[in-house]
Amino acid sequence: MIYLNYTNLDKQTQERLLSMSKKEVENLFGNQLKNYAQQQDVNYDTLLEEEAIRNLYNYDFVFNM
C-alpha cells in the first residue's frame, strides 16, 4: 500500500509514484520489454512508461485527510 496525504498530490508526488512504478516494472519485466521493443521496433523508454502507468492501477492507495 502507498500512503498519501490528500493535500499533497502535486506534480512532484506524481512523478515519484511514476518513478517507483517504472523501477518495479523494470525489475519484473525488463528483459521481456526489451525483447519486445526490439522485435516490434518500439522505443523501450516509451514502452516502459506506458507499462508503468498501467502498473499504477494495481497499487492500493490510502489517502490521509
Protein backbone atom coordinates (compact mmCIF):
# COMPACT_ATOMS: atom_id res chain seq x y z
CA MET A 1 0.00 0.00 0.00
CA ILE A 2 1.06 3.53 -0.67
CA TYR A 3 0.11 6.15 1.88
CA LEU A 4 -0.53 9.62 0.52
CA ASN A 5 -1.56 12.85 2.11
CA TYR A 6 -4.67 14.08 0.29
CA THR A 7 -3.36 17.64 0.20
CA ASN A 8 -0.03 16.58 -1.35
CA LEU A 9 -0.90 15.32 -4.83
CA ASP A 10 1.34 17.79 -6.62
CA LYS A 11 3.43 17.08 -9.71
CA GLN A 12 6.46 16.04 -7.65
CA THR A 13 4.43 13.35 -5.86
CA GLN A 14 3.00 12.10 -9.14
CA GLU A 15 6.49 11.89 -10.65
CA ARG A 16 7.73 9.99 -7.59
CA LEU A 17 4.89 7.46 -7.92
CA LEU A 18 5.61 7.01 -11.63
CA SER A 19 9.31 6.57 -10.90
CA MET A 20 8.55 3.89 -8.30
CA SER A 21 6.29 2.12 -10.76
CA LYS A 22 8.93 2.27 -13.53
CA LYS A 23 11.51 0.65 -11.25
CA GLU A 24 9.07 -2.09 -10.29
CA VAL A 25 8.10 -2.83 -13.89
CA GLU A 26 11.73 -2.80 -15.00
CA ASN A 27 12.72 -5.22 -12.24
CA LEU A 28 9.87 -7.59 -13.03
CA PHE A 29 9.64 -7.41 -16.82
CA GLY A 30 12.73 -5.52 -18.03
CA ASN A 31 14.17 -8.26 -20.23
CA GLN A 32 10.80 -9.14 -21.73
CA LEU A 33 10.07 -5.49 -22.52
CA LYS A 34 13.50 -5.01 -24.13
CA ASN A 35 12.99 -8.08 -26.33
CA TYR A 36 9.51 -6.93 -27.30
CA ALA A 37 10.75 -3.41 -28.08
CA GLN A 38 13.49 -4.79 -30.34
CA GLN A 39 11.17 -7.21 -32.14
CA GLN A 40 8.43 -4.62 -32.70
CA ASP A 41 10.82 -1.70 -33.36
CA VAL A 42 9.33 0.33 -30.48
CA ASN A 43 11.12 2.82 -28.25
CA TYR A 44 11.92 1.00 -24.98
CA ASP A 45 11.55 4.09 -22.78
CA THR A 46 8.09 4.84 -24.17
CA LEU A 47 7.04 1.24 -23.68
CA LEU A 48 8.38 1.25 -20.12
CA GLU A 49 6.48 4.44 -19.28
CA GLU A 50 3.22 3.05 -20.68
CA GLU A 51 3.61 -0.13 -18.64
CA ALA A 52 4.48 1.87 -15.53
CA ILE A 53 1.29 3.91 -15.90
CA ARG A 54 -0.73 0.70 -16.26
CA ASN A 55 1.05 -0.68 -13.21
CA LEU A 56 -0.14 2.27 -11.10
CA TYR A 57 -3.67 0.88 -11.35
CA ASN A 58 -2.51 -2.19 -9.38
CA TYR A 59 -1.38 -0.15 -6.37
CA ASP A 60 -3.52 0.23 -3.28
CA PHE A 61 -3.57 3.88 -2.28
CA VAL A 62 -4.52 5.10 1.18
CA PHE A 63 -5.35 8.77 1.49
CA ASN A 64 -4.98 10.54 4.80
CA MET A 65 -7.19 13.58 5.17
